[in-house]
């Protein structure tokens, strides 16, 4: 337990960067108790927010691709604290994980080099602001596609589907996202879909909000939180770090993950969707899933793309 707690604390506290950039590195945040027509045509009558631009319906070599090639690197907002998804390999210091494999495939397609990437660590709440400000070309960070977000950023087709679930300690009486949370403290990341769900109703729990989901695992390990509310995909990674924690109950939402980009970068959206088509078809998705996720999230297939 002590080793797991130390690993989580180190991952949360060390602000590692590959290159200077006007962006905040991932670190524990303060604990708080308590029409763009072409890119989001579905925002007013939103039923399938995961519908994205068809790569065959327009150019995928426009201004955004030209900008990236001129710069020589793909600037990507990622997490360095989500084990199995986006994290620092302690042996090498390099970024690794399921999300990082996808970043490399996109960089390889656009720039011919999977390592032509400038990784920028982005807290959960800063993902959309950094895309809109142009600090990053895209965010690949277990980011859920939903009706609110497509008003502000464009998404690729979904590359994974998760769901919100409760993570708690082995000796806890909590049974899931239900009335067993009454009087308990539940931790979630500010700006996450878990935060949104808790705002709708917390089953009588006190909500603790932090900058990044790994901070919640630290709070759970320290006994300051009774449970973590997060995507089961992230929760499974946290449980893999700490054998005294486990997911309970069932998922209570559907969370399709997409690559988030600027609303104006329609050529880049189409290009990423084309990459994803190949990524699903040639076995790359399956190889990455087998390497990172299959042991903790068995039986999952890549979601089929949906287009506008």
C-alpha atoms as a PDB file:
ATOM      1  CA  UNK A   1       0.000   0.000   0.000  1.00  0.00           C
ATOM      2  CA  UNK A   2       2.822   2.388   0.956  1.00  0.00           C
ATOM      3  CA  UNK A   3       4.582   1.741  -2.336  1.00  0.00           C
ATOM      4  CA  UNK A   4       1.415   2.324  -4.320  1.00  0.00           C
ATOM      5  CA  UNK A   5       0.711   5.535  -2.419  1.00  0.00           C
ATOM      6  CA  UNK A   6       4.269   6.727  -3.034  1.00  0.00           C
ATOM      7  CA  UNK A   7       3.943   5.988  -6.768  1.00  0.00           C
ATOM      8  CA  UNK A   8       0.688   7.906  -6.972  1.00  0.00           C
ATOM      9  CA  UNK A   9       2.091  10.838  -5.015  1.00  0.00           C
ATOM     10  CA  UNK A  10       5.191  10.999  -7.180  1.00  0.00           C
ATOM     11  CA  UNK A  11       3.125  10.848 -10.361  1.00  0.00           C
ATOM     12  CA  UNK A  12       0.892  13.638  -9.148  1.00  0.00           C
ATOM     13  CA  UNK A  13       3.573  15.926  -7.741  1.00  0.00           C
ATOM     14  CA  UNK A  14       6.336  15.943 -10.357  1.00  0.00           C
ATOM     15  CA  UNK A  15       5.625  18.585 -13.052  1.00  0.00           C
ATOM     16  CA  UNK A  16       7.430  17.057 -16.032  1.00  0.00           C
ATOM     17  CA  UNK A  17       7.539  18.821 -19.386  1.00  0.00           C
ATOM     18  CA  UNK A  18       9.084  18.051 -22.771  1.00  0.00           C
ATOM     19  CA  UNK A  19       9.227  21.641 -23.931  1.00  0.00           C
ATOM     20  CA  UNK A  20       8.315  25.081 -22.565  1.00  0.00           C
ATOM     21  CA  UNK A  21       4.782  26.133 -23.384  1.00  0.00           C
ATOM     22  CA  UNK A  22       2.109  28.425 -21.929  1.00  0.00           C
ATOM     23  CA  UNK A  23       0.322  25.581 -20.188  1.00  0.00           C
ATOM     24  CA  UNK A  24       0.029  24.269 -16.638  1.00  0.00           C
ATOM     25  CA  UNK A  25       1.685  20.947 -15.872  1.00  0.00           C
ATOM     26  CA  UNK A  26      -0.291  18.230 -14.132  1.00  0.00           C
ATOM     27  CA  UNK A  27      -0.028  18.511 -10.354  1.00  0.00           C
ATOM     28  CA  UNK A  28      -2.408  18.284  -7.401  1.00  0.00           C
ATOM     29  CA  UNK A  29      -4.871  21.138  -7.431  1.00  0.00           C
ATOM     30  CA  UNK A  30      -6.694  22.779  -4.534  1.00  0.00           C
ATOM     31  CA  UNK A  31      -9.312  20.600  -2.903  1.00  0.00           C
ATOM     32  CA  UNK A  32     -12.776  22.144  -3.013  1.00  0.00           C
ATOM     33  CA  UNK A  33     -15.589  20.631  -0.994  1.00  0.00           C
ATOM     34  CA  UNK A  34     -18.745  21.326  -1.533  1.00  0.00           C
ATOM     35  CA  UNK A  35     -22.572  28.046 -33.424  1.00  0.00           C
ATOM     36  CA  UNK A  36     -19.905  27.023 -34.710  1.00  0.00           C
ATOM     37  CA  UNK A  37     -21.939  25.609 -37.670  1.00  0.00           C
ATOM     38  CA  UNK A  38     -19.422  23.361 -39.405  1.00  0.00           C
ATOM     39  CA  UNK A  39     -18.146  21.638 -36.303  1.00  0.00           C
ATOM     40  CA  UNK A  40     -21.177  20.984 -34.143  1.00  0.00           C
ATOM     41  CA  UNK A  41     -24.248  20.838 -36.323  1.00  0.00           C
ATOM     42  CA  UNK A  42     -25.879  18.582 -33.699  1.00  0.00           C
ATOM     43  CA  UNK A  43     -25.387  20.963 -30.760  1.00  0.00           C
ATOM     44  CA  UNK A  44     -28.895  22.400 -30.771  1.00  0.00           C
ATOM     45  CA  UNK A  45     -30.660  19.040 -31.292  1.00  0.00           C
ATOM     46  CA  UNK A  46     -28.060  16.733 -29.872  1.00  0.00           C
ATOM     47  CA  UNK A  47     -28.786  13.019 -29.966  1.00  0.00           C
ATOM     48  CA  UNK A  48     -25.495  11.564 -31.231  1.00  0.00           C
ATOM     49  CA  UNK A  49     -22.642  13.909 -30.300  1.00  0.00           C
ATOM     50  CA  UNK A  50     -20.100  11.287 -31.399  1.00  0.00           C
ATOM     51  CA  UNK A  51     -21.021  11.839 -35.057  1.00  0.00           C
ATOM     52  CA  UNK A  52     -17.975  13.423 -36.688  1.00  0.00           C
ATOM     53  CA  UNK A  53     -16.831  14.693 -40.084  1.00  0.00           C
ATOM     54  CA  UNK A  54     -16.542  12.032 -42.766  1.00  0.00           C
ATOM     55  CA  UNK A  55     -12.945  11.855 -44.040  1.00  0.00           C
ATOM     56  CA  UNK A  56     -14.271  11.249 -47.560  1.00  0.00           C
ATOM     57  CA  UNK A  57     -16.566  14.296 -47.604  1.00  0.00           C
ATOM     58  CA  UNK A  58     -13.951  17.058 -47.760  1.00  0.00           C
ATOM     59  CA  UNK A  59     -10.257  17.910 -47.684  1.00  0.00           C
ATOM     60  CA  UNK A  60      -7.925  16.550 -45.042  1.00  0.00           C
ATOM     61  CA  UNK A  61      -4.910  18.573 -46.202  1.00  0.00           C
ATOM     62  CA  UNK A  62      -5.969  22.148 -45.455  1.00  0.00           C
ATOM     63  CA  UNK A  63      -4.728  24.971 -43.248  1.00  0.00           C
ATOM     64  CA  UNK A  64      -4.434  23.022 -40.004  1.00  0.00           C
ATOM     65  CA  UNK A  65      -2.318  20.262 -41.556  1.00  0.00           C
ATOM     66  CA  UNK A  66      -0.141  22.920 -43.217  1.00  0.00           C
ATOM     67  CA  UNK A  67       0.325  24.657 -39.845  1.00  0.00           C
ATOM     68  CA  UNK A  68       1.402  21.433 -38.156  1.00  0.00           C
ATOM     69  CA  UNK A  69       3.839  20.551 -40.937  1.00  0.00           C
ATOM     70  CA  UNK A  70       5.335  24.040 -40.870  1.00  0.00           C
ATOM     71  CA  UNK A  71       5.901  23.782 -37.107  1.00  0.00           C
ATOM     72  CA  UNK A  72       7.386  20.310 -37.554  1.00  0.00           C
ATOM     73  CA  UNK A  73       5.720  18.767 -34.538  1.00  0.00           C
ATOM     74  CA  UNK A  74       2.234  17.802 -33.463  1.00  0.00           C
ATOM     75  CA  UNK A  75       1.369  19.642 -30.240  1.00  0.00           C
ATOM     76  CA  UNK A  76      -0.794  17.336 -28.151  1.00  0.00           C
ATOM     77  CA  UNK A  77      -2.398  17.830 -24.751  1.00  0.00           C
ATOM     78  CA  UNK A  78      -2.100  14.622 -22.735  1.00  0.00           C
ATOM     79  CA  UNK A  79      -2.134  13.312 -19.186  1.00  0.00           C
ATOM     80  CA  UNK A  80       0.990  12.099 -17.424  1.00  0.00           C
ATOM     81  CA  UNK A  81      -0.870  10.679 -14.437  1.00  0.00           C
ATOM     82  CA  UNK A  82      -3.398   8.225 -15.940  1.00  0.00           C
ATOM     83  CA  UNK A  83      -1.802   4.803 -15.635  1.00  0.00           C
ATOM     84  CA  UNK A  84      -2.313   2.650 -18.761  1.00  0.00           C
ATOM     85  CA  UNK A  85      -3.670   5.650 -20.729  1.00  0.00           C
ATOM     86  CA  UNK A  86      -1.205   8.529 -20.558  1.00  0.00           C
ATOM     87  CA  UNK A  87       1.623   8.336 -18.022  1.00  0.00           C
ATOM     88  CA  UNK A  88       5.385   8.611 -17.625  1.00  0.00           C
ATOM     89  CA  UNK A  89       7.173   5.289 -17.890  1.00  0.00           C
ATOM     90  CA  UNK A  90       9.240   5.285 -14.658  1.00  0.00           C
ATOM     91  CA  UNK A  91      12.046   3.372 -16.371  1.00  0.00           C
ATOM     92  CA  UNK A  92      12.506   5.785 -19.281  1.00  0.00           C
ATOM     93  CA  UNK A  93      10.637   8.982 -18.410  1.00  0.00           C
ATOM     94  CA  UNK A  94       8.835   8.734 -21.758  1.00  0.00           C
ATOM     95  CA  UNK A  95       5.099   9.074 -22.221  1.00  0.00           C
ATOM     96  CA  UNK A  96       3.305   5.748 -22.625  1.00  0.00           C
ATOM     97  CA  UNK A  97      -0.194   4.284 -22.679  1.00  0.00           C
ATOM     98  CA  UNK A  98      -3.216   3.602 -24.868  1.00  0.00           C
ATOM     99  CA  UNK A  99      -3.768   7.290 -25.645  1.00  0.00           C
ATOM    100  CA  UNK A 100      -0.085   7.783 -26.416  1.00  0.00           C
ATOM    101  CA  UNK A 101      -0.094   4.949 -28.962  1.00  0.00           C
ATOM    102  CA  UNK A 102      -2.866   6.777 -30.820  1.00  0.00           C
ATOM    103  CA  UNK A 103      -0.952  10.065 -30.689  1.00  0.00           C
ATOM    104  CA  UNK A 104       2.029   8.350 -32.301  1.00  0.00           C
ATOM    105  CA  UNK A 105      -0.137   6.935 -35.094  1.00  0.00           C
ATOM    106  CA  UNK A 106      -1.526  10.404 -35.858  1.00  0.00           C
ATOM    107  CA  UNK A 107       1.936  11.993 -35.848  1.00  0.00           C
ATOM    108  CA  UNK A 108       3.272   9.241 -38.118  1.00  0.00           C
ATOM    109  CA  UNK A 109       0.485   9.864 -40.627  1.00  0.00           C
ATOM    110  CA  UNK A 110       0.791  13.662 -40.702  1.00  0.00           C
ATOM    111  CA  UNK A 111       4.536  14.137 -40.235  1.00  0.00           C
ATOM    112  CA  UNK A 112       6.023  10.755 -41.145  1.00  0.00           C
ATOM    113  CA  UNK A 113       7.541  10.335 -37.679  1.00  0.00           C
ATOM    114  CA  UNK A 114       5.696   8.971 -34.658  1.00  0.00           C
ATOM    115  CA  UNK A 115       8.087  10.852 -32.382  1.00  0.00           C
ATOM    116  CA  UNK A 116       7.439  14.261 -33.964  1.00  0.00           C
ATOM    117  CA  UNK A 117       5.238  15.184 -31.015  1.00  0.00           C
ATOM    118  CA  UNK A 118       5.376  17.959 -28.445  1.00  0.00           C
ATOM    119  CA  UNK A 119       3.587  16.515 -25.426  1.00  0.00           C
ATOM    120  CA  UNK A 120       1.985  19.074 -23.147  1.00  0.00           C
ATOM    121  CA  UNK A 121       0.454  17.975 -19.855  1.00  0.00           C
ATOM    122  CA  UNK A 122      -3.029  19.440 -19.467  1.00  0.00           C
ATOM    123  CA  UNK A 123      -5.232  19.365 -16.335  1.00  0.00           C
ATOM    124  CA  UNK A 124      -8.773  18.124 -16.901  1.00  0.00           C
ATOM    125  CA  UNK A 125     -10.407  21.554 -16.675  1.00  0.00           C
ATOM    126  CA  UNK A 126      -7.911  23.114 -19.129  1.00  0.00           C
ATOM    127  CA  UNK A 127      -8.459  20.761 -22.046  1.00  0.00           C
ATOM    128  CA  UNK A 128     -11.046  22.883 -23.864  1.00  0.00           C
ATOM    129  CA  UNK A 129      -9.465  26.284 -23.055  1.00  0.00           C
ATOM    130  CA  UNK A 130      -6.098  25.135 -24.413  1.00  0.00           C
ATOM    131  CA  UNK A 131      -7.656  23.877 -27.644  1.00  0.00           C
ATOM    132  CA  UNK A 132      -9.577  27.119 -28.132  1.00  0.00           C
ATOM    133  CA  UNK A 133      -6.478  29.200 -27.379  1.00  0.00           C
ATOM    134  CA  UNK A 134      -4.392  27.280 -29.915  1.00  0.00           C
ATOM    135  CA  UNK A 135      -1.901  26.110 -27.292  1.00  0.00           C
ATOM    136  CA  UNK A 136      -2.307  22.567 -28.609  1.00  0.00           C
ATOM    137  CA  UNK A 137      -3.362  21.086 -31.956  1.00  0.00           C
ATOM    138  CA  UNK A 138      -5.399  18.425 -30.210  1.00  0.00           C
ATOM    139  CA  UNK A 139      -6.079  16.757 -26.890  1.00  0.00           C
ATOM    140  CA  UNK A 140      -5.846  12.974 -26.555  1.00  0.00           C
ATOM    141  CA  UNK A 141      -6.661  12.474 -22.901  1.00  0.00           C
ATOM    142  CA  UNK A 142      -9.579  10.094 -22.223  1.00  0.00           C
ATOM    143  CA  UNK A 143     -11.881  12.972 -23.208  1.00  0.00           C
ATOM    144  CA  UNK A 144     -15.580  12.191 -23.432  1.00  0.00           C
ATOM    145  CA  UNK A 145     -17.568  13.397 -26.432  1.00  0.00           C
ATOM    146  CA  UNK A 146     -20.813  14.985 -25.245  1.00  0.00           C
ATOM    147  CA  UNK A 147     -23.420  17.526 -26.287  1.00  0.00           C
ATOM    148  CA  UNK A 148     -21.999  20.376 -24.208  1.00  0.00           C
ATOM    149  CA  UNK A 149     -18.418  19.955 -25.381  1.00  0.00           C
ATOM    150  CA  UNK A 150     -19.191  19.859 -29.114  1.00  0.00           C
ATOM    151  CA  UNK A 151     -20.286  23.489 -28.791  1.00  0.00           C
ATOM    152  CA  UNK A 152     -16.682  24.413 -27.951  1.00  0.00           C
ATOM    153  CA  UNK A 153     -14.438  21.864 -29.661  1.00  0.00           C
ATOM    154  CA  UNK A 154     -14.596  19.375 -32.522  1.00  0.00           C
ATOM    155  CA  UNK A 155     -14.143  15.668 -31.929  1.00  0.00           C
ATOM    156  CA  UNK A 156     -12.970  12.738 -33.971  1.00  0.00           C
ATOM    157  CA  UNK A 157     -15.073   9.618 -34.116  1.00  0.00           C
ATOM    158  CA  UNK A 158     -15.009   7.647 -30.866  1.00  0.00           C
ATOM    159  CA  UNK A 159     -11.965   5.447 -30.276  1.00  0.00           C
ATOM    160  CA  UNK A 160     -13.079   3.920 -26.948  1.00  0.00           C
ATOM    161  CA  UNK A 161     -16.237   3.693 -24.841  1.00  0.00           C
ATOM    162  CA  UNK A 162     -16.137   3.812 -21.043  1.00  0.00           C
ATOM    163  CA  UNK A 163     -18.596   4.678 -18.255  1.00  0.00           C
ATOM    164  CA  UNK A 164     -18.610   6.451 -14.882  1.00  0.00           C
ATOM    165  CA  UNK A 165     -18.199   4.120 -11.905  1.00  0.00           C
ATOM    166  CA  UNK A 166     -17.231   4.244  -8.227  1.00  0.00           C
ATOM    167  CA  UNK A 167     -13.737   3.245  -7.067  1.00  0.00           C
ATOM    168  CA  UNK A 168     -13.332   2.601  -3.345  1.00  0.00           C
ATOM    169  CA  UNK A 169     -11.221   0.736  -0.799  1.00  0.00           C
ATOM    170  CA  UNK A 170     -11.585  -2.974  -0.125  1.00  0.00           C
ATOM    171  CA  UNK A 171     -12.948  -2.406   3.399  1.00  0.00           C
ATOM    172  CA  UNK A 172     -15.550   0.168   2.318  1.00  0.00           C
ATOM    173  CA  UNK A 173     -19.315  -0.223   2.772  1.00  0.00           C
ATOM    174  CA  UNK A 174     -19.919   1.682  -0.475  1.00  0.00           C
ATOM    175  CA  UNK A 175     -21.627  -0.492  -3.085  1.00  0.00           C
ATOM    176  CA  UNK A 176     -21.755   1.841  -6.096  1.00  0.00           C
ATOM    177  CA  UNK A 177     -23.195   5.137  -7.275  1.00  0.00           C
ATOM    178  CA  UNK A 178     -26.171   4.812  -4.959  1.00  0.00           C
ATOM    179  CA  UNK A 179     -27.426   5.725  -1.488  1.00  0.00           C
ATOM    180  CA  UNK A 180     -24.466   3.959   0.118  1.00  0.00           C
ATOM    181  CA  UNK A 181     -22.610   7.227  -0.648  1.00  0.00           C
ATOM    182  CA  UNK A 182     -24.715   9.179   1.872  1.00  0.00           C
ATOM    183  CA  UNK A 183     -22.468  10.929   4.387  1.00  0.00           C
ATOM    184  CA  UNK A 184     -19.323   9.882   2.510  1.00  0.00           C
ATOM    185  CA  UNK A 185     -16.758  12.014   0.678  1.00  0.00           C
ATOM    186  CA  UNK A 186     -16.473  11.359  -3.052  1.00  0.00           C
ATOM    187  CA  UNK A 187     -13.559  12.734  -5.067  1.00  0.00           C
ATOM    188  CA  UNK A 188     -13.680  13.701  -8.736  1.00  0.00           C
ATOM    189  CA  UNK A 189     -11.707  15.876 -11.164  1.00  0.00           C
ATOM    190  CA  UNK A 190     -12.941  19.405 -11.817  1.00  0.00           C
ATOM    191  CA  UNK A 191     -14.430  19.717 -15.299  1.00  0.00           C
ATOM    192  CA  UNK A 192     -14.829  15.967 -15.785  1.00  0.00           C
ATOM    193  CA  UNK A 193     -18.031  14.201 -16.751  1.00  0.00           C
ATOM    194  CA  UNK A 194     -17.967  12.680 -13.272  1.00  0.00           C
ATOM    195  CA  UNK A 195     -18.092  16.224 -11.905  1.00  0.00           C
ATOM    196  CA  UNK A 196     -21.094  16.924 -14.140  1.00  0.00           C
ATOM    197  CA  UNK A 197     -22.887  13.801 -12.904  1.00  0.00           C
ATOM    198  CA  UNK A 198     -22.249  14.656  -9.251  1.00  0.00           C
ATOM    199  CA  UNK A 199     -23.603  18.151  -9.860  1.00  0.00           C
ATOM    200  CA  UNK A 200     -26.864  16.490 -10.920  1.00  0.00           C
ATOM    201  CA  UNK A 201     -27.005  14.552  -7.653  1.00  0.00           C
ATOM    202  CA  UNK A 202     -24.490  13.024  -5.263  1.00  0.00           C
ATOM    203  CA  UNK A 203     -26.700  10.611  -3.265  1.00  0.00           C
ATOM    204  CA  UNK A 204     -25.963  12.643  -0.141  1.00  0.00           C
ATOM    205  CA  UNK A 205     -22.181  12.577  -0.491  1.00  0.00           C
ATOM    206  CA  UNK A 206     -19.816  15.498   0.023  1.00  0.00           C
ATOM    207  CA  UNK A 207     -17.980  16.181  -3.231  1.00  0.00           C
ATOM    208  CA  UNK A 208     -14.231  16.784  -3.231  1.00  0.00           C
ATOM    209  CA  UNK A 209     -12.918  18.322  -6.460  1.00  0.00           C
ATOM    210  CA  UNK A 210      -9.271  18.198  -7.541  1.00  0.00           C
ATOM    211  CA  UNK A 211      -7.292  19.036 -10.680  1.00  0.00           C
ATOM    212  CA  UNK A 212      -6.581  15.501 -11.914  1.00  0.00           C
ATOM    213  CA  UNK A 213      -8.031  12.052 -11.336  1.00  0.00           C
ATOM    214  CA  UNK A 214      -4.790  10.670  -9.877  1.00  0.00           C
ATOM    215  CA  UNK A 215      -5.111  13.245  -7.104  1.00  0.00           C
ATOM    216  CA  UNK A 216      -8.321  11.427  -6.141  1.00  0.00           C
ATOM    217  CA  UNK A 217      -6.459   8.143  -5.729  1.00  0.00           C
ATOM    218  CA  UNK A 218      -4.035   9.926  -3.402  1.00  0.00           C
ATOM    219  CA  UNK A 219      -6.961  11.334  -1.380  1.00  0.00           C
ATOM    220  CA  UNK A 220      -8.449   7.826  -1.151  1.00  0.00           C
ATOM    221  CA  UNK A 221      -5.132   6.356  -0.020  1.00  0.00           C
ATOM    222  CA  UNK A 222      -4.708   9.058   2.618  1.00  0.00           C
ATOM    223  CA  UNK A 223      -8.202   8.448   3.962  1.00  0.00           C
ATOM    224  CA  UNK A 224      -9.398  11.928   3.032  1.00  0.00           C
ATOM    225  CA  UNK A 225     -11.893  10.578   0.485  1.00  0.00           C
ATOM    226  CA  UNK A 226     -14.098   7.510   0.803  1.00  0.00           C
ATOM    227  CA  UNK A 227     -14.507   6.945  -2.926  1.00  0.00           C
ATOM    228  CA  UNK A 228     -13.481   8.164  -6.369  1.00  0.00           C
ATOM    229  CA  UNK A 229     -16.015   8.803  -9.133  1.00  0.00           C
ATOM    230  CA  UNK A 230     -14.364   8.466 -12.520  1.00  0.00           C
ATOM    231  CA  UNK A 231     -14.505   6.629 -15.826  1.00  0.00           C
ATOM    232  CA  UNK A 232     -14.188   2.896 -15.268  1.00  0.00           C
ATOM    233  CA  UNK A 233     -11.335   2.975 -17.786  1.00  0.00           C
ATOM    234  CA  UNK A 234      -9.352   5.315 -15.525  1.00  0.00           C
ATOM    235  CA  UNK A 235     -10.555   3.599 -12.363  1.00  0.00           C
ATOM    236  CA  UNK A 236      -9.258   0.269 -13.637  1.00  0.00           C
ATOM    237  CA  UNK A 237      -5.846   1.860 -14.096  1.00  0.00           C
ATOM    238  CA  UNK A 238      -5.936   3.260 -10.566  1.00  0.00           C
ATOM    239  CA  UNK A 239      -6.943  -0.127  -9.160  1.00  0.00           C
ATOM    240  CA  UNK A 240      -3.978  -1.643 -11.009  1.00  0.00           C
ATOM    241  CA  UNK A 241      -1.732   0.814  -9.150  1.00  0.00           C
ATOM    242  CA  UNK A 242      -3.284   0.093  -5.752  1.00  0.00           C
ATOM    243  CA  UNK A 243      -4.414  -3.489  -5.026  1.00  0.00           C
ATOM    244  CA  UNK A 244      -6.462  -2.296  -2.015  1.00  0.00           C
ATOM    245  CA  UNK A 245      -8.822  -0.323  -4.291  1.00  0.00           C
ATOM    246  CA  UNK A 246     -11.479  -1.716  -6.617  1.00  0.00           C
ATOM    247  CA  UNK A 247     -14.435  -0.680  -8.758  1.00  0.00           C
ATOM    248  CA  UNK A 248     -17.896  -1.323  -7.296  1.00  0.00           C
ATOM    249  CA  UNK A 249     -21.409  -1.264  -8.713  1.00  0.00           C
ATOM    250  CA  UNK A 250     -22.052  -0.712 -12.399  1.00  0.00           C
ATOM    251  CA  UNK A 251     -21.305   2.073 -14.854  1.00  0.00           C
ATOM    252  CA  UNK A 252     -23.954   4.810 -14.767  1.00  0.00           C
ATOM    253  CA  UNK A 253     -23.061   6.713 -17.937  1.00  0.00           C
ATOM    254  CA  UNK A 254     -21.753   6.017 -21.439  1.00  0.00           C
ATOM    255  CA  UNK A 255     -18.499   7.822 -22.193  1.00  0.00           C
ATOM    256  CA  UNK A 256     -17.275   7.722 -25.821  1.00  0.00           C
ATOM    257  CA  UNK A 257     -13.689   9.016 -25.960  1.00  0.00           C
ATOM    258  CA  UNK A 258     -12.606  11.162 -28.892  1.00  0.00           C
ATOM    259  CA  UNK A 259      -9.647  13.233 -30.040  1.00  0.00           C
ATOM    260  CA  UNK A 260     -10.578  16.878 -29.392  1.00  0.00           C
ATOM    261  CA  UNK A 261      -9.548  19.634 -31.821  1.00  0.00           C
ATOM    262  CA  UNK A 262     -10.343  23.241 -32.671  1.00  0.00           C
ATOM    263  CA  UNK A 263     -13.721  23.811 -34.311  1.00  0.00           C
ATOM    264  CA  UNK A 264     -12.055  25.554 -37.253  1.00  0.00           C
ATOM    265  CA  UNK A 265      -9.629  22.699 -37.985  1.00  0.00           C
ATOM    266  CA  UNK A 266     -12.011  20.647 -40.107  1.00  0.00           C
ATOM    267  CA  UNK A 267      -9.207  19.260 -42.270  1.00  0.00           C
ATOM    268  CA  UNK A 268      -7.442  17.974 -39.167  1.00  0.00           C
ATOM    269  CA  UNK A 269     -10.646  16.365 -37.878  1.00  0.00           C
ATOM    270  CA  UNK A 270     -11.073  14.531 -41.189  1.00  0.00           C
ATOM    271  CA  UNK A 271      -7.414  13.511 -41.183  1.00  0.00           C
ATOM    272  CA  UNK A 272      -7.647  12.071 -37.673  1.00  0.00           C
ATOM    273  CA  UNK A 273     -10.820  10.200 -38.629  1.00  0.00           C
ATOM    274  CA  UNK A 274      -8.994   8.701 -41.591  1.00  0.00           C
ATOM    275  CA  UNK A 275      -6.156   7.637 -39.287  1.00  0.00           C
ATOM    276  CA  UNK A 276      -8.676   6.080 -36.908  1.00  0.00           C
ATOM    277  CA  UNK A 277     -10.255   4.097 -39.741  1.00  0.00           C
ATOM    278  CA  UNK A 278      -6.865   2.577 -40.521  1.00  0.00           C
ATOM    279  CA  UNK A 279      -6.046   2.171 -36.817  1.00  0.00           C
ATOM    280  CA  UNK A 280      -9.155   0.055 -36.288  1.00  0.00           C
ATOM    281  CA  UNK A 281      -8.815  -1.929 -39.529  1.00  0.00           C
ATOM    282  CA  UNK A 282      -5.125  -2.896 -39.497  1.00  0.00           C
ATOM    283  CA  UNK A 283      -5.032  -4.282 -35.953  1.00  0.00           C
ATOM    284  CA  UNK A 284      -3.241  -1.317 -34.349  1.00  0.00           C
ATOM    285  CA  UNK A 285      -6.138  -0.601 -31.984  1.00  0.00           C
ATOM    286  CA  UNK A 286      -6.320  -4.241 -30.953  1.00  0.00           C
ATOM    287  CA  UNK A 287      -2.562  -4.468 -30.340  1.00  0.00           C
ATOM    288  CA  UNK A 288      -2.584  -1.365 -28.155  1.00  0.00           C
ATOM    289  CA  UNK A 289      -5.649  -2.603 -26.263  1.00  0.00           C
ATOM    290  CA  UNK A 290      -4.018  -5.990 -25.672  1.00  0.00           C
ATOM    291  CA  UNK A 291      -0.838  -4.311 -24.434  1.00  0.00           C
ATOM    292  CA  UNK A 292      -2.430  -1.815 -22.056  1.00  0.00           C
ATOM    293  CA  UNK A 293      -6.040  -2.528 -21.209  1.00  0.00           C
ATOM    294  CA  UNK A 294      -7.201  -6.082 -21.873  1.00  0.00           C
ATOM    295  CA  UNK A 295      -6.114  -7.419 -18.476  1.00  0.00           C
ATOM    296  CA  UNK A 296      -8.138  -4.818 -16.537  1.00  0.00           C
ATOM    297  CA  UNK A 297     -10.955  -4.142 -19.050  1.00  0.00           C
ATOM    298  CA  UNK A 298     -11.531  -7.410 -20.931  1.00  0.00           C
ATOM    299  CA  UNK A 299     -13.892  -8.002 -23.824  1.00  0.00           C
ATOM    300  CA  UNK A 300     -13.896  -4.549 -25.424  1.00  0.00           C
ATOM    301  CA  UNK A 301     -13.936  -3.836 -29.159  1.00  0.00           C
ATOM    302  CA  UNK A 302     -13.266  -0.512 -30.941  1.00  0.00           C
ATOM    303  CA  UNK A 303     -16.467   1.501 -31.435  1.00  0.00           C
ATOM    304  CA  UNK A 304     -17.713   1.816 -35.001  1.00  0.00           C
ATOM    305  CA  UNK A 305     -17.334   5.334 -36.449  1.00  0.00           C
ATOM    306  CA  UNK A 306     -20.399   7.536 -36.809  1.00  0.00           C
ATOM    307  CA  UNK A 307     -20.403  10.375 -39.347  1.00  0.00           C
ATOM    308  CA  UNK A 308     -22.469  13.465 -40.013  1.00  0.00           C
END
